[in-house]
Amino acid sequence: MKTILVIIGLVAVLAAVYYFGFYKKGKINDRDGDYIPDEVEDAVEDAKETVKEVKRRAKRVKQEVKDVVEAAKEVVDQAGDVAAAAKGKPRRGRKPRKSNKKK
């Protein structure tokens, strides 16, 4: 029982030192009067902005990786056609367009 009273007493003393020693004397800035130091509020706001930027960048990276994977698959498909062309086989891919130029 005594330890609980000692702990409660210490918490009360620390709260009093914080309130009267730092807050009332102006050593801790608090523009909006919510007893949360402005430095803490600013740090939380900066962290929120950083998280938002990281999420945006991660989304863009994911999109780019998807594009790269699709392009790599296309390269693999085309590499087989190049090997076949080197062996002399007929073209399997898209047929060349005929030009409509008049001679």
PDB file of N, CA and C in Angstrom:
ATOM      1  N   MET A   1       0.827  -1.194   0.000  1.00  0.00           N
ATOM      2  CA  MET A   1       0.000   0.000   0.000  1.00  0.00           C
ATOM      3  C   MET A   1       0.870   1.256   0.000  1.00  0.00           C
ATOM      4  N   LYS A   2       1.968   1.179   0.754  1.00  0.00           N
ATOM      5  CA  LYS A   2       2.856   2.344   0.823  1.00  0.00           C
ATOM      6  C   LYS A   2       3.513   2.618  -0.525  1.00  0.00           C
ATOM      7  N   THR A   3       3.834   1.550  -1.270  1.00  0.00           N
ATOM      8  CA  THR A   3       4.488   1.768  -2.564  1.00  0.00           C
ATOM      9  C   THR A   3       3.547   2.456  -3.547  1.00  0.00           C
ATOM     10  N   ILE A   4       2.276   2.111  -3.484  1.00  0.00           N
ATOM     11  CA  ILE A   4       1.300   2.766  -4.368  1.00  0.00           C
ATOM     12  C   ILE A   4       1.196   4.244  -4.035  1.00  0.00           C
ATOM     13  N   LEU A   5       1.184   4.577  -2.764  1.00  0.00           N
ATOM     14  CA  LEU A   5       1.120   5.984  -2.356  1.00  0.00           C
ATOM     15  C   LEU A   5       2.380   6.728  -2.759  1.00  0.00           C
ATOM     16  N   VAL A   6       3.527   6.079  -2.661  1.00  0.00           N
ATOM     17  CA  VAL A   6       4.782   6.715  -3.070  1.00  0.00           C
ATOM     18  C   VAL A   6       4.759   6.969  -4.577  1.00  0.00           C
ATOM     19  N   ILE A   7       4.299   6.009  -5.349  1.00  0.00           N
ATOM     20  CA  ILE A   7       4.221   6.181  -6.808  1.00  0.00           C
ATOM     21  C   ILE A   7       3.262   7.302  -7.170  1.00  0.00           C
ATOM     22  N   ILE A   8       2.104   7.327  -6.556  1.00  0.00           N
ATOM     23  CA  ILE A   8       1.133   8.403  -6.817  1.00  0.00           C
ATOM     24  C   ILE A   8       1.719   9.753  -6.438  1.00  0.00           C
ATOM     25  N   GLY A   9       2.442   9.799  -5.320  1.00  0.00           N
ATOM     26  CA  GLY A   9       3.082  11.048  -4.894  1.00  0.00           C
ATOM     27  C   GLY A   9       4.124  11.510  -5.892  1.00  0.00           C
ATOM     28  N   LEU A  10       4.935  10.596  -6.393  1.00  0.00           N
ATOM     29  CA  LEU A  10       5.952  10.955  -7.384  1.00  0.00           C
ATOM     30  C   LEU A  10       5.321  11.458  -8.681  1.00  0.00           C
ATOM     31  N   VAL A  11       4.265  10.813  -9.116  1.00  0.00           N
ATOM     32  CA  VAL A  11       3.571  11.258 -10.330  1.00  0.00           C
ATOM     33  C   VAL A  11       3.001  12.658 -10.130  1.00  0.00           C
ATOM     34  N   ALA A  12       2.445  12.919  -8.963  1.00  0.00           N
ATOM     35  CA  ALA A  12       1.888  14.242  -8.672  1.00  0.00           C
ATOM     36  C   ALA A  12       2.990  15.298  -8.658  1.00  0.00           C
ATOM     37  N   VAL A  13       4.128  14.982  -8.076  1.00  0.00           N
ATOM     38  CA  VAL A  13       5.245  15.933  -8.040  1.00  0.00           C
ATOM     39  C   VAL A  13       5.758  16.195  -9.452  1.00  0.00           C
ATOM     40  N   LEU A  14       5.915  15.153 -10.251  1.00  0.00           N
ATOM     41  CA  LEU A  14       6.376  15.341 -11.623  1.00  0.00           C
ATOM     42  C   LEU A  14       5.393  16.170 -12.441  1.00  0.00           C
ATOM     43  N   ALA A  15       4.098  15.928 -12.250  1.00  0.00           N
ATOM     44  CA  ALA A  15       3.083  16.717 -12.960  1.00  0.00           C
ATOM     45  C   ALA A  15       3.156  18.175 -12.541  1.00  0.00           C
ATOM     46  N   ALA A  16       3.355  18.438 -11.254  1.00  0.00           N
ATOM     47  CA  ALA A  16       3.452  19.814 -10.762  1.00  0.00           C
ATOM     48  C   ALA A  16       4.698  20.496 -11.321  1.00  0.00           C
ATOM     49  N   VAL A  17       5.826  19.788 -11.353  1.00  0.00           N
ATOM     50  CA  VAL A  17       7.055  20.361 -11.903  1.00  0.00           C
ATOM     51  C   VAL A  17       6.859  20.679 -13.382  1.00  0.00           C
ATOM     52  N   TYR A  18       6.231  19.778 -14.105  1.00  0.00           N
ATOM     53  CA  TYR A  18       5.972  20.023 -15.526  1.00  0.00           C
ATOM     54  C   TYR A  18       5.088  21.251 -15.703  1.00  0.00           C
ATOM     55  N   TYR A  19       3.992  21.310 -14.970  1.00  0.00           N
ATOM     56  CA  TYR A  19       3.018  22.377 -15.165  1.00  0.00           C
ATOM     57  C   TYR A  19       3.567  23.724 -14.707  1.00  0.00           C
ATOM     58  N   PHE A  20       4.040  23.796 -13.480  1.00  0.00           N
ATOM     59  CA  PHE A  20       4.476  25.082 -12.949  1.00  0.00           C
ATOM     60  C   PHE A  20       5.902  25.424 -13.366  1.00  0.00           C
ATOM     61  N   GLY A  21       6.763  24.436 -13.432  1.00  0.00           N
ATOM     62  CA  GLY A  21       8.163  24.699 -13.733  1.00  0.00           C
ATOM     63  C   GLY A  21       8.442  24.973 -15.194  1.00  0.00           C
ATOM     64  N   PHE A  22       7.762  24.292 -16.078  1.00  0.00           N
ATOM     65  CA  PHE A  22       8.048  24.456 -17.499  1.00  0.00           C
ATOM     66  C   PHE A  22       6.932  25.160 -18.262  1.00  0.00           C
ATOM     67  N   TYR A  23       5.713  24.750 -18.044  1.00  0.00           N
ATOM     68  CA  TYR A  23       4.598  25.264 -18.833  1.00  0.00           C
ATOM     69  C   TYR A  23       4.270  26.703 -18.485  1.00  0.00           C
ATOM     70  N   LYS A  24       4.087  26.997 -17.211  1.00  0.00           N
ATOM     71  CA  LYS A  24       3.692  28.355 -16.800  1.00  0.00           C
ATOM     72  C   LYS A  24       4.810  29.359 -17.025  1.00  0.00           C
ATOM     73  N   LYS A  25       6.057  28.940 -16.941  1.00  0.00           N
ATOM     74  CA  LYS A  25       7.173  29.868 -17.139  1.00  0.00           C
ATOM     75  C   LYS A  25       7.482  30.083 -18.612  1.00  0.00           C
ATOM     76  N   GLY A  26       6.827  29.347 -19.476  1.00  0.00           N
ATOM     77  CA  GLY A  26       6.995  29.542 -20.907  1.00  0.00           C
ATOM     78  C   GLY A  26       8.166  28.795 -21.515  1.00  0.00           C
ATOM     79  N   LYS A  27       8.753  27.866 -20.785  1.00  0.00           N
ATOM     80  CA  LYS A  27       9.866  27.098 -21.331  1.00  0.00           C
ATOM     81  C   LYS A  27       9.375  26.042 -22.321  1.00  0.00           C
ATOM     82  N   ILE A  28       8.122  25.673 -22.212  1.00  0.00           N
ATOM     83  CA  ILE A  28       7.492  24.769 -23.173  1.00  0.00           C
ATOM     84  C   ILE A  28       6.436  25.575 -23.908  1.00  0.00           C
ATOM     85  N   ASN A  29       6.593  25.674 -25.216  1.00  0.00           N
ATOM     86  CA  ASN A  29       5.637  26.450 -26.017  1.00  0.00           C
ATOM     87  C   ASN A  29       4.387  25.621 -26.286  1.00  0.00           C
ATOM     88  N   ASP A  30       3.236  26.297 -26.157  1.00  0.00           N
ATOM     89  CA  ASP A  30       1.954  25.637 -26.422  1.00  0.00           C
ATOM     90  C   ASP A  30       0.998  26.690 -26.966  1.00  0.00           C
ATOM     91  N   ARG A  31       0.962  26.818 -28.292  1.00  0.00           N
ATOM     92  CA  ARG A  31       0.156  27.862 -28.926  1.00  0.00           C
ATOM     93  C   ARG A  31      -1.339  27.660 -28.724  1.00  0.00           C
ATOM     94  N   ASP A  32      -1.797  26.411 -28.766  1.00  0.00           N
ATOM     95  CA  ASP A  32      -3.235  26.174 -28.721  1.00  0.00           C
ATOM     96  C   ASP A  32      -3.760  25.812 -27.331  1.00  0.00           C
ATOM     97  N   GLY A  33      -2.913  25.736 -26.325  1.00  0.00           N
ATOM     98  CA  GLY A  33      -3.361  25.539 -24.954  1.00  0.00           C
ATOM     99  C   GLY A  33      -3.899  24.160 -24.639  1.00  0.00           C
ATOM    100  N   ASP A  34      -3.429  23.124 -25.330  1.00  0.00           N
ATOM    101  CA  ASP A  34      -3.933  21.778 -25.054  1.00  0.00           C
ATOM    102  C   ASP A  34      -2.967  20.958 -24.192  1.00  0.00           C
ATOM    103  N   TYR A  35      -1.961  21.621 -23.611  1.00  0.00           N
ATOM    104  CA  TYR A  35      -0.962  21.006 -22.731  1.00  0.00           C
ATOM    105  C   TYR A  35      -0.095  19.970 -23.446  1.00  0.00           C
ATOM    106  N   ILE A  36      -0.055  20.041 -24.753  1.00  0.00           N
ATOM    107  CA  ILE A  36       0.865  19.223 -25.538  1.00  0.00           C
ATOM    108  C   ILE A  36       1.872  20.192 -26.155  1.00  0.00           C
ATOM    109  N   PRO A  37       3.167  19.993 -25.905  1.00  0.00           N
ATOM    110  CA  PRO A  37       4.166  20.921 -26.434  1.00  0.00           C
ATOM    111  C   PRO A  37       4.105  21.022 -27.957  1.00  0.00           C
ATOM    112  N   ASP A  38       4.354  22.225 -28.454  1.00  0.00           N
ATOM    113  CA  ASP A  38       4.299  22.464 -29.891  1.00  0.00           C
ATOM    114  C   ASP A  38       5.322  21.621 -30.647  1.00  0.00           C
ATOM    115  N   GLU A  39       6.469  21.361 -30.038  1.00  0.00           N
ATOM    116  CA  GLU A  39       7.485  20.555 -30.695  1.00  0.00           C
ATOM    117  C   GLU A  39       6.956  19.153 -30.976  1.00  0.00           C
ATOM    118  N   VAL A  40       6.211  18.600 -30.055  1.00  0.00           N
ATOM    119  CA  VAL A  40       5.638  17.263 -30.236  1.00  0.00           C
ATOM    120  C   VAL A  40       4.581  17.293 -31.336  1.00  0.00           C
ATOM    121  N   GLU A  41       3.725  18.299 -31.309  1.00  0.00           N
ATOM    122  CA  GLU A  41       2.682  18.412 -32.332  1.00  0.00           C
ATOM    123  C   GLU A  41       3.294  18.579 -33.718  1.00  0.00           C
ATOM    124  N   ASP A  42       4.359  19.385 -33.822  1.00  0.00           N
ATOM    125  CA  ASP A  42       5.020  19.588 -35.112  1.00  0.00           C
ATOM    126  C   ASP A  42       5.675  18.304 -35.600  1.00  0.00           C
ATOM    127  N   ALA A  43       6.284  17.558 -34.689  1.00  0.00           N
ATOM    128  CA  ALA A  43       6.924  16.299 -35.072  1.00  0.00           C
ATOM    129  C   ALA A  43       5.892  15.299 -35.577  1.00  0.00           C
ATOM    130  N   VAL A  44       4.738  15.237 -34.934  1.00  0.00           N
ATOM    131  CA  VAL A  44       3.678  14.321 -35.373  1.00  0.00           C
ATOM    132  C   VAL A  44       3.166  14.724 -36.750  1.00  0.00           C
ATOM    133  N   GLU A  45       2.998  16.014 -36.976  1.00  0.00           N
ATOM    134  CA  GLU A  45       2.530  16.498 -38.279  1.00  0.00           C
ATOM    135  C   GLU A  45       3.543  16.166 -39.375  1.00  0.00           C
ATOM    136  N   ASP A  46       4.839  16.361 -39.077  1.00  0.00           N
ATOM    137  CA  ASP A  46       5.875  16.022 -40.053  1.00  0.00           C
ATOM    138  C   ASP A  46       5.872  14.527 -40.352  1.00  0.00           C
ATOM    139  N   ALA A  47       5.667  13.712 -39.323  1.00  0.00           N
ATOM    140  CA  ALA A  47       5.636  12.267 -39.516  1.00  0.00           C
ATOM    141  C   ALA A  47       4.461  11.868 -40.407  1.00  0.00           C
ATOM    142  N   LYS A  48       3.308  12.506 -40.217  1.00  0.00           N
ATOM    143  CA  LYS A  48       2.141  12.206 -41.048  1.00  0.00           C
ATOM    144  C   LYS A  48       2.416  12.555 -42.509  1.00  0.00           C
ATOM    145  N   GLU A  49       3.048  13.700 -42.743  1.00  0.00           N
ATOM    146  CA  GLU A  49       3.362  14.096 -44.111  1.00  0.00           C
ATOM    147  C   GLU A  49       4.366  13.135 -44.742  1.00  0.00           C
ATOM    148  N   THR A  50       5.343  12.691 -43.956  1.00  0.00           N
ATOM    149  CA  THR A  50       6.342  11.753 -44.458  1.00  0.00           C
ATOM    150  C   THR A  50       5.697  10.430 -44.828  1.00  0.00           C
ATOM    151  N   VAL A  51       4.796   9.944 -43.998  1.00  0.00           N
ATOM    152  CA  VAL A  51       4.103   8.683 -44.274  1.00  0.00           C
ATOM    153  C   VAL A  51       3.284   8.809 -45.562  1.00  0.00           C
ATOM    154  N   LYS A  52       2.634   9.936 -45.738  1.00  0.00           N
ATOM    155  CA  LYS A  52       1.833  10.149 -46.949  1.00  0.00           C
ATOM    156  C   LYS A  52       2.724  10.123 -48.197  1.00  0.00           C
ATOM    157  N   GLU A  53       3.880  10.769 -48.117  1.00  0.00           N
ATOM    158  CA  GLU A  53       4.808  10.797 -49.248  1.00  0.00           C
ATOM    159  C   GLU A  53       5.376   9.405 -49.526  1.00  0.00           C
ATOM    160  N   VAL A  54       5.698   8.665 -48.494  1.00  0.00           N
ATOM    161  CA  VAL A  54       6.238   7.312 -48.672  1.00  0.00           C
ATOM    162  C   VAL A  54       5.200   6.410 -49.322  1.00  0.00           C
ATOM    163  N   LYS A  55       3.948   6.518 -48.907  1.00  0.00           N
ATOM    164  CA  LYS A  55       2.890   5.714 -49.519  1.00  0.00           C
ATOM    165  C   LYS A  55       2.729   6.052 -50.996  1.00  0.00           C
ATOM    166  N   ARG A  56       2.796   7.345 -51.332  1.00  0.00           N
ATOM    167  CA  ARG A  56       2.657   7.768 -52.725  1.00  0.00           C
ATOM    168  C   ARG A  56       3.801   7.200 -53.567  1.00  0.00           C
ATOM    169  N   ARG A  57       5.009   7.279 -53.039  1.00  0.00           N
ATOM    170  CA  ARG A  57       6.162   6.770 -53.778  1.00  0.00           C
ATOM    171  C   ARG A  57       6.102   5.254 -53.925  1.00  0.00           C
ATOM    172  N   ALA A  58       5.683   4.569 -52.881  1.00  0.00           N
ATOM    173  CA  ALA A  58       5.583   3.108 -52.942  1.00  0.00           C
ATOM    174  C   ALA A  58       4.580   2.684 -54.009  1.00  0.00           C
ATOM    175  N   LYS A  59       3.481   3.415 -54.116  1.00  0.00           N
ATOM    176  CA  LYS A  59       2.473   3.104 -55.132  1.00  0.00           C
ATOM    177  C   LYS A  59       3.051   3.271 -56.538  1.00  0.00           C
ATOM    178  N   ARG A  60       3.812   4.347 -56.745  1.00  0.00           N
ATOM    179  CA  ARG A  60       4.417   4.588 -58.050  1.00  0.00           C
ATOM    180  C   ARG A  60       5.460   3.527 -58.379  1.00  0.00           C
ATOM    181  N   VAL A  61       6.251   3.128 -57.390  1.00  0.00           N
ATOM    182  CA  VAL A  61       7.258   2.095 -57.613  1.00  0.00           C
ATOM    183  C   VAL A  61       6.580   0.788 -57.993  1.00  0.00           C
ATOM    184  N   LYS A  62       5.478   0.475 -57.329  1.00  0.00           N
ATOM    185  CA  LYS A  62       4.741  -0.748 -57.638  1.00  0.00           C
ATOM    186  C   LYS A  62       4.256  -0.723 -59.089  1.00  0.00           C
ATOM    187  N   GLN A  63       3.751   0.409 -59.542  1.00  0.00           N
ATOM    188  CA  GLN A  63       3.291   0.529 -60.924  1.00  0.00           C
ATOM    189  C   GLN A  63       4.447   0.345 -61.907  1.00  0.00           C
ATOM    190  N   GLU A  64       5.579   0.943 -61.603  1.00  0.00           N
ATOM    191  CA  GLU A  64       6.730   0.837 -62.502  1.00  0.00           C
ATOM    192  C   GLU A  64       7.266  -0.587 -62.547  1.00  0.00           C
ATOM    193  N   VAL A  65       7.290  -1.262 -61.411  1.00  0.00           N
ATOM    194  CA  VAL A  65       7.749  -2.655 -61.392  1.00  0.00           C
ATOM    195  C   VAL A  65       6.830  -3.523 -62.235  1.00  0.00           C
ATOM    196  N   LYS A  66       5.538  -3.271 -62.146  1.00  0.00           N
ATOM    197  CA  LYS A  66       4.580  -4.024 -62.959  1.00  0.00           C
ATOM    198  C   LYS A  66       4.863  -3.808 -64.449  1.00  0.00           C
ATOM    199  N   ASP A  67       5.136  -2.558 -64.844  1.00  0.00           N
ATOM    200  CA  ASP A  67       5.453  -2.264 -66.243  1.00  0.00           C
ATOM    201  C   ASP A  67       6.739  -2.972 -66.679  1.00  0.00           C
ATOM    202  N   VAL A  68       7.726  -2.992 -65.816  1.00  0.00           N
ATOM    203  CA  VAL A  68       8.995  -3.639 -66.148  1.00  0.00           C
ATOM    204  C   VAL A  68       8.800  -5.149 -66.311  1.00  0.00           C
ATOM    205  N   VAL A  69       8.003  -5.760 -65.451  1.00  0.00           N
ATOM    206  CA  VAL A  69       7.748  -7.199 -65.555  1.00  0.00           C
ATOM    207  C   VAL A  69       7.055  -7.518 -66.876  1.00  0.00           C
ATOM    208  N   GLU A  70       6.070  -6.711 -67.245  1.00  0.00           N
ATOM    209  CA  GLU A  70       5.382  -6.929 -68.519  1.00  0.00           C
ATOM    210  C   GLU A  70       6.345  -6.780 -69.696  1.00  0.00           C
ATOM    211  N   ALA A  71       7.212  -5.789 -69.652  1.00  0.00           N
ATOM    212  CA  ALA A  71       8.171  -5.583 -70.732  1.00  0.00           C
ATOM    213  C   ALA A  71       9.170  -6.737 -70.786  1.00  0.00           C
ATOM    214  N   ALA A  72       9.584  -7.234 -69.629  1.00  0.00           N
ATOM    215  CA  ALA A  72      10.529  -8.359 -69.608  1.00  0.00           C
ATOM    216  C   ALA A  72       9.901  -9.605 -70.216  1.00  0.00           C
ATOM    217  N   LYS A  73       8.616  -9.834 -69.954  1.00  0.00           N
ATOM    218  CA  LYS A  73       7.931 -10.979 -70.553  1.00  0.00           C
ATOM    219  C   LYS A  73       7.909 -10.844 -72.074  1.00  0.00           C
ATOM    220  N   GLU A  74       7.666  -9.649 -72.549  1.00  0.00           N
ATOM    221  CA  GLU A  74       7.637  -9.407 -73.999  1.00  0.00           C
ATOM    222  C   GLU A  74       9.018  -9.641 -74.602  1.00  0.00           C
ATOM    223  N   VAL A  75      10.071  -9.237 -73.903  1.00  0.00           N
ATOM    224  CA  VAL A  75      11.434  -9.440 -74.403  1.00  0.00           C
ATOM    225  C   VAL A  75      11.731 -10.929 -74.507  1.00  0.00           C
ATOM    226  N   VAL A  76      11.321 -11.699 -73.515  1.00  0.00           N
ATOM    227  CA  VAL A  76      11.552 -13.141 -73.550  1.00  0.00           C
ATOM    228  C   VAL A  76      10.837 -13.753 -74.747  1.00  0.00           C
ATOM    229  N   ASP A  77       9.608 -13.334 -74.997  1.00  0.00           N
ATOM    230  CA  ASP A  77       8.864 -13.849 -76.155  1.00  0.00           C
ATOM    231  C   ASP A  77       9.573 -13.489 -77.464  1.00  0.00           C
ATOM    232  N   GLN A  78      10.052 -12.274 -77.575  1.00  0.00           N
ATOM    233  CA  GLN A  78      10.711 -11.827 -78.799  1.00  0.00           C
ATOM    234  C   GLN A  78      12.071 -12.480 -78.977  1.00  0.00           C
ATOM    235  N   ALA A  79      12.743 -12.823 -77.891  1.00  0.00           N
ATOM    236  CA  ALA A  79      14.067 -13.454 -77.990  1.00  0.00           C
ATOM    237  C   ALA A  79      13.961 -14.802 -78.699  1.00  0.00           C
ATOM    238  N   GLY A  80      12.894 -15.520 -78.444  1.00  0.00           N
ATOM    239  CA  GLY A  80      12.681 -16.784 -79.145  1.00  0.00           C
ATOM    240  C   GLY A  80      12.521 -16.581 -80.636  1.00  0.00           C
ATOM    241  N   ASP A  81      11.847 -15.497 -81.044  1.00  0.00           N
ATOM    242  CA  ASP A  81      11.671 -15.196 -82.465  1.00  0.00           C
ATOM    243  C   ASP A  81      13.002 -14.846 -83.123  1.00  0.00           C
ATOM    244  N   VAL A  82      13.864 -14.164 -82.408  1.00  0.00           N
ATOM    245  CA  VAL A  82      15.171 -13.801 -82.956  1.00  0.00           C
ATOM    246  C   VAL A  82      16.006 -15.055 -83.189  1.00  0.00           C
ATOM    247  N   ALA A  83      15.959 -15.976 -82.232  1.00  0.00           N
ATOM    248  CA  ALA A  83      16.705 -17.229 -82.387  1.00  0.00           C
ATOM    249  C   ALA A  83      16.176 -18.013 -83.584  1.00  0.00           C
ATOM    250  N   ALA A  84      14.876 -18.033 -83.774  1.00  0.00           N
ATOM    251  CA  ALA A  84      14.284 -18.751 -84.908  1.00  0.00           C
ATOM    252  C   ALA A  84      14.693 -18.093 -86.227  1.00  0.00           C
ATOM    253  N   ALA A  85      14.748 -16.763 -86.252  1.00  0.00           N
ATOM    254  CA  ALA A  85      15.151 -16.054 -87.469  1.00  0.00           C
ATOM    255  C   ALA A  85      16.604 -16.357 -87.805  1.00  0.00           C
ATOM    256  N   ALA A  86      17.438 -16.499 -86.782  1.00  0.00           N
ATOM    257  CA  ALA A  86      18.849 -16.811 -87.021  1.00  0.00           C
ATOM    258  C   ALA A  86      18.997 -18.204 -87.619  1.00  0.00           C
ATOM    259  N   LYS A  87      18.073 -19.089 -87.302  1.00  0.00           N
ATOM    260  CA  LYS A  87      18.106 -20.451 -87.850  1.00  0.00           C
ATOM    261  C   LYS A  87      17.514 -20.513 -89.255  1.00  0.00           C
ATOM    262  N   GLY A  88      16.911 -19.429 -89.726  1.00  0.00           N
ATOM    263  CA  GLY A  88      16.364 -19.386 -91.066  1.00  0.00           C
ATOM    264  C   GLY A  88      14.895 -19.724 -91.149  1.00  0.00           C
ATOM    265  N   LYS A  89      14.225 -19.809 -90.054  1.00  0.00           N
ATOM    266  CA  LYS A  89      12.800 -20.131 -90.076  1.00  0.00           C
ATOM    267  C   LYS A  89      12.001 -18.896 -90.498  1.00  0.00           C
ATOM    268  N   PRO A  90      10.796 -19.096 -91.045  1.00  0.00           N
ATOM    269  CA  PRO A  90       9.977 -17.943 -91.466  1.00  0.00           C
ATOM    270  C   PRO A  90       9.500 -17.139 -90.256  1.00  0.00           C
ATOM    271  N   ARG A  91       9.159 -15.918 -90.532  1.00  0.00           N
ATOM    272  CA  ARG A  91       8.723 -15.000 -89.484  1.00  0.00           C
ATOM    273  C   ARG A  91       7.397 -15.435 -88.903  1.00  0.00           C
ATOM    274  N   ARG A  92       7.311 -15.436 -87.554  1.00  0.00           N
ATOM    275  CA  ARG A  92       6.086 -15.838 -86.870  1.00  0.00           C
ATOM    276  C   ARG A  92       5.350 -14.643 -86.274  1.00  0.00           C
ATOM    277  N   GLY A  93       6.036 -13.563 -86.132  1.00  0.00           N
ATOM    278  CA  GLY A  93       5.456 -12.401 -85.458  1.00  0.00           C
ATOM    279  C   GLY A  93       4.512 -11.617 -86.335  1.00  0.00           C
ATOM    280  N   ARG A  94       4.343 -10.380 -86.026  1.00  0.00           N
ATOM    281  CA  ARG A  94       3.455  -9.493 -86.751  1.00  0.00           C
ATOM    282  C   ARG A  94       3.984  -9.287 -88.164  1.00  0.00           C
ATOM    283  N   LYS A  95       3.099  -9.339 -89.114  1.00  0.00           N
ATOM    284  CA  LYS A  95       3.468  -9.175 -90.516  1.00  0.00           C
ATOM    285  C   LYS A  95       3.740  -7.700 -90.788  1.00  0.00           C
ATOM    286  N   PRO A  96       4.733  -7.404 -91.645  1.00  0.00           N
ATOM    287  CA  PRO A  96       4.992  -6.004 -91.969  1.00  0.00           C
ATOM    288  C   PRO A  96       3.830  -5.408 -92.746  1.00  0.00           C
ATOM    289  N   ARG A  97       3.568  -4.131 -92.535  1.00  0.00           N
ATOM    290  CA  ARG A  97       2.476  -3.476 -93.233  1.00  0.00           C
ATOM    291  C   ARG A  97       2.874  -3.190 -94.670  1.00  0.00           C
ATOM    292  N   LYS A  98       1.909  -3.302 -95.561  1.00  0.00           N
ATOM    293  CA  LYS A  98       2.143  -2.965 -96.964  1.00  0.00           C
ATOM    294  C   LYS A  98       1.954  -1.479 -97.105  1.00  0.00           C
ATOM    295  N   SER A  99       2.860  -0.862 -97.818  1.00  0.00           N
ATOM    296  CA  SER A  99       2.735   0.586 -97.993  1.00  0.00           C
ATOM    297  C   SER A  99       1.766   0.876 -99.127  1.00  0.00           C
ATOM    298  N   ASN A 100       1.075   1.972 -99.025  1.00  0.00           N
ATOM    299  CA  ASN A 100       0.084   2.367-100.024  1.00  0.00           C
ATOM    300  C   ASN A 100       0.657   3.432-100.957  1.00  0.00           C
ATOM    301  N   LYS A 101       1.956   3.498-101.032  1.00  0.00           N
ATOM    302  CA  LYS A 101       2.593   4.506-101.882  1.00  0.00           C
ATOM    303  C   LYS A 101       2.408   4.135-103.346  1.00  0.00           C
ATOM    304  N   LYS A 102       2.097   5.132-104.164  1.00  0.00           N
ATOM    305  CA  LYS A 102       1.925   4.913-105.598  1.00  0.00           C
ATOM    306  C   LYS A 102       3.274   5.077-106.265  1.00  0.00           C
ATOM    307  N   LYS A 103       3.539   4.193-107.207  1.00  0.00           N
ATOM    308  CA  LYS A 103       4.840   4.266-107.921  1.00  0.00           C
ATOM    309  C   LYS A 103       4.664   4.894-109.249  1.00  0.00           C
TER     310      LYS A 103
END
